[in-house]
All heavy atoms as atom14 arrays in JSON, in Angstrom:
{
  "sequence": "TPQLSPGGVAALNMILTDETTNNAMGGTAKHIEKNWGLGGLL",
  "atom14_mask": [
    [1, 1, 1, 1, 1, 1, 1, 0, 0, 0, 0, 0, 0, 0],
    [1, 1, 1, 1, 1, 1, 1, 0, 0, 0, 0, 0, 0, 0],
    [1, 1, 1, 1, 1, 1, 1, 1, 1, 0, 0, 0, 0, 0],
    [1, 1, 1, 1, 1, 1, 1, 1, 0, 0, 0, 0, 0, 0],
    [1, 1, 1, 1, 1, 1, 0, 0, 0, 0, 0, 0, 0, 0],
    [1, 1, 1, 1, 1, 1, 1, 0, 0, 0, 0, 0, 0, 0],
    [1, 1, 1, 1, 0, 0, 0, 0, 0, 0, 0, 0, 0, 0],
    [1, 1, 1, 1, 0, 0, 0, 0, 0, 0, 0, 0, 0, 0],
    [1, 1, 1, 1, 1, 1, 1, 0, 0, 0, 0, 0, 0, 0],
    [1, 1, 1, 1, 1, 0, 0, 0, 0, 0, 0, 0, 0, 0],
    [1, 1, 1, 1, 1, 0, 0, 0, 0, 0, 0, 0, 0, 0],
    [1, 1, 1, 1, 1, 1, 1, 1, 0, 0, 0, 0, 0, 0],
    [1, 1, 1, 1, 1, 1, 1, 1, 0, 0, 0, 0, 0, 0],
    [1, 1, 1, 1, 1, 1, 1, 1, 0, 0, 0, 0, 0, 0],
    [1, 1, 1, 1, 1, 1, 1, 1, 0, 0, 0, 0, 0, 0],
    [1, 1, 1, 1, 1, 1, 1, 1, 0, 0, 0, 0, 0, 0],
    [1, 1, 1, 1, 1, 1, 1, 0, 0, 0, 0, 0, 0, 0],
    [1, 1, 1, 1, 1, 1, 1, 1, 0, 0, 0, 0, 0, 0],
    [1, 1, 1, 1, 1, 1, 1, 1, 1, 0, 0, 0, 0, 0],
    [1, 1, 1, 1, 1, 1, 1, 0, 0, 0, 0, 0, 0, 0],
    [1, 1, 1, 1, 1, 1, 1, 0, 0, 0, 0, 0, 0, 0],
    [1, 1, 1, 1, 1, 1, 1, 1, 0, 0, 0, 0, 0, 0],
    [1, 1, 1, 1, 1, 1, 1, 1, 0, 0, 0, 0, 0, 0],
    [1, 1, 1, 1, 1, 0, 0, 0, 0, 0, 0, 0, 0, 0],
    [1, 1, 1, 1, 1, 1, 1, 1, 0, 0, 0, 0, 0, 0],
    [1, 1, 1, 1, 0, 0, 0, 0, 0, 0, 0, 0, 0, 0],
    [1, 1, 1, 1, 0, 0, 0, 0, 0, 0, 0, 0, 0, 0],
    [1, 1, 1, 1, 1, 1, 1, 0, 0, 0, 0, 0, 0, 0],
    [1, 1, 1, 1, 1, 0, 0, 0, 0, 0, 0, 0, 0, 0],
    [1, 1, 1, 1, 1, 1, 1, 1, 1, 0, 0, 0, 0, 0],
    [1, 1, 1, 1, 1, 1, 1, 1, 1, 1, 0, 0, 0, 0],
    [1, 1, 1, 1, 1, 1, 1, 1, 0, 0, 0, 0, 0, 0],
    [1, 1, 1, 1, 1, 1, 1, 1, 1, 0, 0, 0, 0, 0],
    [1, 1, 1, 1, 1, 1, 1, 1, 1, 0, 0, 0, 0, 0],
    [1, 1, 1, 1, 1, 1, 1, 1, 0, 0, 0, 0, 0, 0],
    [1, 1, 1, 1, 1, 1, 1, 1, 1, 1, 1, 1, 1, 1],
    [1, 1, 1, 1, 0, 0, 0, 0, 0, 0, 0, 0, 0, 0],
    [1, 1, 1, 1, 1, 1, 1, 1, 0, 0, 0, 0, 0, 0],
    [1, 1, 1, 1, 0, 0, 0, 0, 0, 0, 0, 0, 0, 0],
    [1, 1, 1, 1, 0, 0, 0, 0, 0, 0, 0, 0, 0, 0],
    [1, 1, 1, 1, 1, 1, 1, 1, 0, 0, 0, 0, 0, 0],
    [1, 1, 1, 1, 1, 1, 1, 1, 0, 0, 0, 0, 0, 0]
  ],
  "atom14_positions": [
    [[-12.79, -1.64, -5.12], [-12.13, -1.3, -6.38], [-10.98, -0.33, -6.13], [-11.14, 0.65, -5.4], [-13.14, -0.63, -7.35], [-14.19, -1.56, -7.64], [-12.46, -0.22, -8.64], [0.0, 0.0, 0.0], [0.0, 0.0, 0.0], [0.0, 0.0, 0.0], [0.0, 0.0, 0.0], [0.0, 0.0, 0.0], [0.0, 0.0, 0.0], [0.0, 0.0, 0.0]],
    [[-9.79, -0.58, -6.7], [-8.65, 0.34, -6.52], [-9.01, 1.75, -6.95], [-9.62, 1.96, -8.0], [-7.57, -0.27, -7.41], [-7.91, -1.73, -7.48], [-9.4, -1.78, -7.48], [0.0, 0.0, 0.0], [0.0, 0.0, 0.0], [0.0, 0.0, 0.0], [0.0, 0.0, 0.0], [0.0, 0.0, 0.0], [0.0, 0.0, 0.0], [0.0, 0.0, 0.0]],
    [[-8.59, 2.73, -6.15], [-8.99, 4.12, -6.35], [-7.84, 5.06, -6.69], [-8.07, 6.19, -7.08], [-9.67, 4.65, -5.08], [-10.93, 3.9, -4.68], [-12.07, 4.08, -5.66], [-12.29, 5.19, -6.17], [-12.79, 3.02, -5.95], [0.0, 0.0, 0.0], [0.0, 0.0, 0.0], [0.0, 0.0, 0.0], [0.0, 0.0, 0.0], [0.0, 0.0, 0.0]],
    [[-6.59, 4.62, -6.54], [-5.47, 5.55, -6.59], [-4.98, 5.82, -8.01], [-5.03, 4.94, -8.89], [-4.31, 5.03, -5.75], [-4.58, 4.84, -4.26], [-3.31, 4.36, -3.56], [-5.1, 6.11, -3.61], [0.0, 0.0, 0.0], [0.0, 0.0, 0.0], [0.0, 0.0, 0.0], [0.0, 0.0, 0.0], [0.0, 0.0, 0.0], [0.0, 0.0, 0.0]],
    [[-4.47, 7.02, -8.21], [-3.77, 7.39, -9.44], [-2.41, 6.7, -9.46], [-1.95, 6.17, -8.43], [-3.58, 8.91, -9.47], [-2.67, 9.3, -8.44], [0.0, 0.0, 0.0], [0.0, 0.0, 0.0], [0.0, 0.0, 0.0], [0.0, 0.0, 0.0], [0.0, 0.0, 0.0], [0.0, 0.0, 0.0], [0.0, 0.0, 0.0], [0.0, 0.0, 0.0]],
    [[-1.72, 6.69, -10.61], [-0.37, 6.12, -10.63], [0.55, 6.75, -9.58], [1.35, 6.05, -8.96], [0.11, 6.43, -12.06], [-1.16, 6.45, -12.86], [-2.19, 7.06, -11.96], [0.0, 0.0, 0.0], [0.0, 0.0, 0.0], [0.0, 0.0, 0.0], [0.0, 0.0, 0.0], [0.0, 0.0, 0.0], [0.0, 0.0, 0.0], [0.0, 0.0, 0.0]],
    [[0.42, 8.05, -9.37], [1.23, 8.71, -8.34], [0.89, 8.21, -6.96], [1.77, 8.05, -6.1], [0.0, 0.0, 0.0], [0.0, 0.0, 0.0], [0.0, 0.0, 0.0], [0.0, 0.0, 0.0], [0.0, 0.0, 0.0], [0.0, 0.0, 0.0], [0.0, 0.0, 0.0], [0.0, 0.0, 0.0], [0.0, 0.0, 0.0], [0.0, 0.0, 0.0]],
    [[-0.38, 7.96, -6.71], [-0.81, 7.44, -5.42], [-0.31, 6.02, -5.19], [0.14, 5.68, -4.08], [0.0, 0.0, 0.0], [0.0, 0.0, 0.0], [0.0, 0.0, 0.0], [0.0, 0.0, 0.0], [0.0, 0.0, 0.0], [0.0, 0.0, 0.0], [0.0, 0.0, 0.0], [0.0, 0.0, 0.0], [0.0, 0.0, 0.0], [0.0, 0.0, 0.0]],
    [[-0.38, 5.18, -6.22], [0.12, 3.8, -6.12], [1.61, 3.81, -5.8], [2.08, 3.08, -4.92], [-0.15, 3.02, -7.41], [0.52, 1.65, -7.36], [-1.65, 2.85, -7.63], [0.0, 0.0, 0.0], [0.0, 0.0, 0.0], [0.0, 0.0, 0.0], [0.0, 0.0, 0.0], [0.0, 0.0, 0.0], [0.0, 0.0, 0.0], [0.0, 0.0, 0.0]],
    [[2.36, 4.65, -6.51], [3.81, 4.72, -6.29], [4.13, 5.18, -4.87], [5.01, 4.61, -4.19], [4.45, 5.67, -7.31], [0.0, 0.0, 0.0], [0.0, 0.0, 0.0], [0.0, 0.0, 0.0], [0.0, 0.0, 0.0], [0.0, 0.0, 0.0], [0.0, 0.0, 0.0], [0.0, 0.0, 0.0], [0.0, 0.0, 0.0], [0.0, 0.0, 0.0]],
    [[3.41, 6.2, -4.38], [3.67, 6.71, -3.04], [3.33, 5.67, -1.97], [4.11, 5.45, -1.03], [2.86, 7.98, -2.81], [0.0, 0.0, 0.0], [0.0, 0.0, 0.0], [0.0, 0.0, 0.0], [0.0, 0.0, 0.0], [0.0, 0.0, 0.0], [0.0, 0.0, 0.0], [0.0, 0.0, 0.0], [0.0, 0.0, 0.0], [0.0, 0.0, 0.0]],
    [[2.18, 5.03, -2.11], [1.77, 4.03, -1.13], [2.77, 2.9, -1.05], [3.19, 2.49, 0.04], [0.38, 3.5, -1.5], [-0.15, 2.32, -0.68], [-0.28, 2.66, 0.79], [-1.49, 1.84, -1.25], [0.0, 0.0, 0.0], [0.0, 0.0, 0.0], [0.0, 0.0, 0.0], [0.0, 0.0, 0.0], [0.0, 0.0, 0.0], [0.0, 0.0, 0.0]],
    [[3.17, 2.36, -2.18], [4.07, 1.21, -2.18], [5.47, 1.59, -1.74], [6.18, 0.76, -1.15], [4.07, 0.55, -3.55], [2.8, -0.25, -3.8], [2.71, -1.41, -3.42], [1.8, 0.37, -4.41], [0.0, 0.0, 0.0], [0.0, 0.0, 0.0], [0.0, 0.0, 0.0], [0.0, 0.0, 0.0], [0.0, 0.0, 0.0], [0.0, 0.0, 0.0]],
    [[5.88, 2.82, -1.98], [7.18, 3.28, -1.47], [7.14, 3.35, 0.04], [8.08, 2.91, 0.73], [7.52, 4.64, -2.08], [8.89, 5.18, -1.67], [8.86, 6.11, -0.1], [7.91, 7.53, -0.6], [0.0, 0.0, 0.0], [0.0, 0.0, 0.0], [0.0, 0.0, 0.0], [0.0, 0.0, 0.0], [0.0, 0.0, 0.0], [0.0, 0.0, 0.0]],
    [[6.07, 3.89, 0.59], [5.93, 4.0, 2.05], [5.96, 2.62, 2.7], [6.54, 2.44, 3.78], [4.63, 4.74, 2.39], [4.76, 6.23, 2.03], [4.24, 4.58, 3.86], [3.46, 7.0, 2.05], [0.0, 0.0, 0.0], [0.0, 0.0, 0.0], [0.0, 0.0, 0.0], [0.0, 0.0, 0.0], [0.0, 0.0, 0.0], [0.0, 0.0, 0.0]],
    [[5.4, 1.62, 2.04], [5.32, 0.28, 2.6], [6.64, -0.5, 2.54], [6.72, -1.62, 3.04], [4.22, -0.52, 1.9], [2.79, -0.11, 2.25], [1.8, -0.74, 1.29], [2.47, -0.49, 3.68], [0.0, 0.0, 0.0], [0.0, 0.0, 0.0], [0.0, 0.0, 0.0], [0.0, 0.0, 0.0], [0.0, 0.0, 0.0], [0.0, 0.0, 0.0]],
    [[7.67, 0.1, 1.95], [8.97, -0.57, 1.98], [9.61, -0.51, 3.36], [10.51, -1.3, 3.67], [9.94, 0.04, 0.95], [10.13, 1.43, 1.25], [9.39, -0.11, -0.47], [0.0, 0.0, 0.0], [0.0, 0.0, 0.0], [0.0, 0.0, 0.0], [0.0, 0.0, 0.0], [0.0, 0.0, 0.0], [0.0, 0.0, 0.0], [0.0, 0.0, 0.0]],
    [[9.15, 0.42, 4.19], [9.66, 0.51, 5.57], [9.03, -0.6, 6.41], [7.81, -0.77, 6.42], [9.32, 1.87, 6.17], [9.75, 1.99, 7.62], [10.95, 2.14, 7.87], [8.86, 1.91, 8.5], [0.0, 0.0, 0.0], [0.0, 0.0, 0.0], [0.0, 0.0, 0.0], [0.0, 0.0, 0.0], [0.0, 0.0, 0.0], [0.0, 0.0, 0.0]],
    [[9.85, -1.34, 7.14], [9.38, -2.53, 7.86], [8.35, -2.18, 8.92], [7.29, -2.82, 9.01], [10.57, -3.25, 8.5], [10.2, -4.62, 9.08], [9.89, -5.65, 8.02], [10.39, -5.51, 6.88], [9.13, -6.59, 8.32], [0.0, 0.0, 0.0], [0.0, 0.0, 0.0], [0.0, 0.0, 0.0], [0.0, 0.0, 0.0], [0.0, 0.0, 0.0]],
    [[8.63, -1.19, 9.76], [7.7, -0.84, 10.83], [6.38, -0.32, 10.26], [5.3, -0.67, 10.74], [8.33, 0.22, 11.76], [9.52, -0.32, 12.35], [7.36, 0.6, 12.88], [0.0, 0.0, 0.0], [0.0, 0.0, 0.0], [0.0, 0.0, 0.0], [0.0, 0.0, 0.0], [0.0, 0.0, 0.0], [0.0, 0.0, 0.0], [0.0, 0.0, 0.0]],
    [[6.48, 0.51, 9.23], [5.28, 1.02, 8.61], [4.46, -0.1, 7.99], [3.23, -0.14, 8.13], [5.64, 2.06, 7.52], [6.41, 3.1, 8.11], [4.4, 2.65, 6.9], [0.0, 0.0, 0.0], [0.0, 0.0, 0.0], [0.0, 0.0, 0.0], [0.0, 0.0, 0.0], [0.0, 0.0, 0.0], [0.0, 0.0, 0.0], [0.0, 0.0, 0.0]],
    [[5.13, -1.02, 7.34], [4.42, -2.16, 6.74], [3.74, -2.99, 7.82], [2.6, -3.45, 7.64], [5.39, -3.01, 5.93], [4.66, -4.07, 5.12], [3.78, -3.78, 4.31], [5.01, -5.33, 5.34], [0.0, 0.0, 0.0], [0.0, 0.0, 0.0], [0.0, 0.0, 0.0], [0.0, 0.0, 0.0], [0.0, 0.0, 0.0], [0.0, 0.0, 0.0]],
    [[4.42, -3.2, 8.95], [3.8, -3.92, 10.07], [2.53, -3.22, 10.53], [1.52, -3.88, 10.84], [4.77, -4.02, 11.25], [5.88, -5.02, 11.02], [5.79, -5.89, 10.16], [6.95, -4.89, 11.8], [0.0, 0.0, 0.0], [0.0, 0.0, 0.0], [0.0, 0.0, 0.0], [0.0, 0.0, 0.0], [0.0, 0.0, 0.0], [0.0, 0.0, 0.0]],
    [[2.58, -1.9, 10.59], [1.43, -1.14, 11.06], [0.3, -1.11, 10.05], [-0.85, -0.82, 10.41], [1.86, 0.3, 11.38], [0.0, 0.0, 0.0], [0.0, 0.0, 0.0], [0.0, 0.0, 0.0], [0.0, 0.0, 0.0], [0.0, 0.0, 0.0], [0.0, 0.0, 0.0], [0.0, 0.0, 0.0], [0.0, 0.0, 0.0], [0.0, 0.0, 0.0]],
    [[0.61, -1.41, 8.79], [-0.38, -1.32, 7.72], [-0.73, -2.69, 7.16], [-0.96, -2.86, 5.97], [0.14, -0.38, 6.63], [0.27, 1.06, 7.11], [1.16, 2.19, 6.0], [0.13, 2.18, 4.55], [0.0, 0.0, 0.0], [0.0, 0.0, 0.0], [0.0, 0.0, 0.0], [0.0, 0.0, 0.0], [0.0, 0.0, 0.0], [0.0, 0.0, 0.0]],
    [[-0.79, -3.68, 8.05], [-1.26, -5.0, 7.65], [-0.19, -6.06, 7.55], [-0.51, -7.26, 7.5], [0.0, 0.0, 0.0], [0.0, 0.0, 0.0], [0.0, 0.0, 0.0], [0.0, 0.0, 0.0], [0.0, 0.0, 0.0], [0.0, 0.0, 0.0], [0.0, 0.0, 0.0], [0.0, 0.0, 0.0], [0.0, 0.0, 0.0], [0.0, 0.0, 0.0]],
    [[1.07, -5.66, 7.48], [2.15, -6.64, 7.45], [2.11, -7.56, 6.25], [2.54, -8.71, 6.32], [0.0, 0.0, 0.0], [0.0, 0.0, 0.0], [0.0, 0.0, 0.0], [0.0, 0.0, 0.0], [0.0, 0.0, 0.0], [0.0, 0.0, 0.0], [0.0, 0.0, 0.0], [0.0, 0.0, 0.0], [0.0, 0.0, 0.0], [0.0, 0.0, 0.0]],
    [[1.63, -7.08, 5.12], [1.49, -7.91, 3.94], [2.83, -8.08, 3.23], [3.77, -7.3, 3.45], [0.46, -7.31, 2.97], [0.8, -5.94, 2.71], [-0.93, -7.35, 3.58], [0.0, 0.0, 0.0], [0.0, 0.0, 0.0], [0.0, 0.0, 0.0], [0.0, 0.0, 0.0], [0.0, 0.0, 0.0], [0.0, 0.0, 0.0], [0.0, 0.0, 0.0]],
    [[2.93, -9.09, 2.37], [4.18, -9.36, 1.65], [4.56, -8.16, 0.79], [3.74, -7.63, 0.04], [4.02, -10.61, 0.79], [0.0, 0.0, 0.0], [0.0, 0.0, 0.0], [0.0, 0.0, 0.0], [0.0, 0.0, 0.0], [0.0, 0.0, 0.0], [0.0, 0.0, 0.0], [0.0, 0.0, 0.0], [0.0, 0.0, 0.0], [0.0, 0.0, 0.0]],
    [[5.81, -7.75, 0.88], [6.24, -6.53, 0.21], [6.3, -6.66, -1.31], [6.25, -5.66, -2.03], [7.6, -6.08, 0.75], [7.54, -5.61, 2.2], [8.9, -5.12, 2.66], [8.87, -4.68, 4.11], [10.19, -4.23, 4.58], [0.0, 0.0, 0.0], [0.0, 0.0, 0.0], [0.0, 0.0, 0.0], [0.0, 0.0, 0.0], [0.0, 0.0, 0.0]],
    [[6.4, -7.89, -1.81], [6.51, -8.05, -3.26], [5.16, -7.88, -3.97], [5.11, -7.78, -5.19], [7.1, -9.42, -3.61], [6.22, -10.58, -3.24], [6.27, -11.19, -2.0], [5.25, -11.24, -3.93], [5.4, -12.18, -1.95], [4.75, -12.22, -3.11], [0.0, 0.0, 0.0], [0.0, 0.0, 0.0], [0.0, 0.0, 0.0], [0.0, 0.0, 0.0]],
    [[4.07, -7.83, -3.19], [2.75, -7.65, -3.77], [2.45, -6.16, -3.88], [2.6, -5.43, -2.91], [1.66, -8.33, -2.91], [1.94, -9.82, -2.78], [0.28, -8.11, -3.5], [1.03, -10.5, -1.77], [0.0, 0.0, 0.0], [0.0, 0.0, 0.0], [0.0, 0.0, 0.0], [0.0, 0.0, 0.0], [0.0, 0.0, 0.0], [0.0, 0.0, 0.0]],
    [[1.99, -5.72, -5.05], [1.59, -4.32, -5.18], [0.33, -4.07, -4.38], [-0.56, -4.92, -4.29], [1.36, -3.95, -6.65], [1.03, -2.48, -6.83], [0.91, -2.07, -8.28], [1.96, -1.81, -8.9], [-0.22, -2.0, -8.78], [0.0, 0.0, 0.0], [0.0, 0.0, 0.0], [0.0, 0.0, 0.0], [0.0, 0.0, 0.0], [0.0, 0.0, 0.0]],
    [[0.23, -2.87, -3.77], [-0.94, -2.48, -2.99], [-1.62, -1.28, -3.65], [-0.98, -0.49, -4.35], [-0.54, -2.08, -1.55], [0.5, -2.95, -0.87], [0.1, -4.39, -0.74], [1.07, -5.17, 0.14], [2.5, -5.07, -0.22], [0.0, 0.0, 0.0], [0.0, 0.0, 0.0], [0.0, 0.0, 0.0], [0.0, 0.0, 0.0], [0.0, 0.0, 0.0]],
    [[-2.91, -1.18, -3.43], [-3.68, -0.03, -3.84], [-4.58, 0.31, -2.66], [-4.4, -0.24, -1.57], [-4.48, -0.32, -5.12], [-4.78, 0.93, -5.93], [-5.44, 1.86, -5.46], [-4.29, 0.95, -7.18], [0.0, 0.0, 0.0], [0.0, 0.0, 0.0], [0.0, 0.0, 0.0], [0.0, 0.0, 0.0], [0.0, 0.0, 0.0], [0.0, 0.0, 0.0]],
    [[-5.52, 1.21, -2.84], [-6.45, 1.57, -1.78], [-7.86, 1.59, -2.35], [-8.08, 2.11, -3.44], [-6.11, 2.94, -1.19], [-6.74, 3.18, 0.15], [-7.99, 3.67, 0.4], [-6.18, 2.88, 1.43], [-8.24, 3.7, 1.76], [-7.13, 3.22, 2.41], [-4.95, 2.36, 1.84], [-6.9, 3.07, 3.78], [-4.72, 2.21, 3.2], [-5.68, 2.56, 4.16]],
    [[-8.79, 0.97, -1.61], [-10.19, 1.02, -2.01], [-10.86, 2.23, -1.38], [-10.28, 3.29, -1.25], [0.0, 0.0, 0.0], [0.0, 0.0, 0.0], [0.0, 0.0, 0.0], [0.0, 0.0, 0.0], [0.0, 0.0, 0.0], [0.0, 0.0, 0.0], [0.0, 0.0, 0.0], [0.0, 0.0, 0.0], [0.0, 0.0, 0.0], [0.0, 0.0, 0.0]],
    [[-12.11, 2.05, -0.97], [-12.82, 3.13, -0.28], [-12.9, 2.87, 1.22], [-13.55, 3.63, 1.93], [-14.23, 3.3, -0.87], [-14.25, 3.79, -2.32], [-15.67, 3.77, -2.86], [-13.66, 5.2, -2.44], [0.0, 0.0, 0.0], [0.0, 0.0, 0.0], [0.0, 0.0, 0.0], [0.0, 0.0, 0.0], [0.0, 0.0, 0.0], [0.0, 0.0, 0.0]],
    [[-12.21, 1.83, 1.69], [-12.25, 1.53, 3.11], [-10.99, 0.92, 3.68], [-10.91, 0.66, 4.88], [0.0, 0.0, 0.0], [0.0, 0.0, 0.0], [0.0, 0.0, 0.0], [0.0, 0.0, 0.0], [0.0, 0.0, 0.0], [0.0, 0.0, 0.0], [0.0, 0.0, 0.0], [0.0, 0.0, 0.0], [0.0, 0.0, 0.0], [0.0, 0.0, 0.0]],
    [[-9.99, 0.68, 2.84], [-8.78, 0.07, 3.35], [-7.79, -0.26, 2.25], [-8.03, -0.02, 1.05], [0.0, 0.0, 0.0], [0.0, 0.0, 0.0], [0.0, 0.0, 0.0], [0.0, 0.0, 0.0], [0.0, 0.0, 0.0], [0.0, 0.0, 0.0], [0.0, 0.0, 0.0], [0.0, 0.0, 0.0], [0.0, 0.0, 0.0], [0.0, 0.0, 0.0]],
    [[-6.64, -0.8, 2.66], [-5.58, -1.22, 1.75], [-6.04, -2.43, 0.96], [-6.65, -3.35, 1.52], [-4.34, -1.57, 2.58], [-3.04, -1.85, 1.85], [-2.4, -0.54, 1.42], [-2.08, -2.62, 2.76], [0.0, 0.0, 0.0], [0.0, 0.0, 0.0], [0.0, 0.0, 0.0], [0.0, 0.0, 0.0], [0.0, 0.0, 0.0], [0.0, 0.0, 0.0]],
    [[-5.74, -2.46, -0.34], [-6.13, -3.57, -1.2], [-4.91, -4.31, -1.72], [-3.98, -3.69, -2.26], [-6.94, -3.06, -2.39], [-8.36, -2.56, -2.14], [-8.95, -2.02, -3.44], [-9.24, -3.66, -1.57], [0.0, 0.0, 0.0], [0.0, 0.0, 0.0], [0.0, 0.0, 0.0], [0.0, 0.0, 0.0], [0.0, 0.0, 0.0], [0.0, 0.0, 0.0]]
  ]
}
């Protein structure tokens, strides 16, 4: 279940706009919004 506040969602997705960082964090499609569960990126 997504755990982040709106501020957390905004920060996470902003960080994932960087290509190298996104590669290191699963390499998922950038147009999809991400959240965080209790064990990983959602």
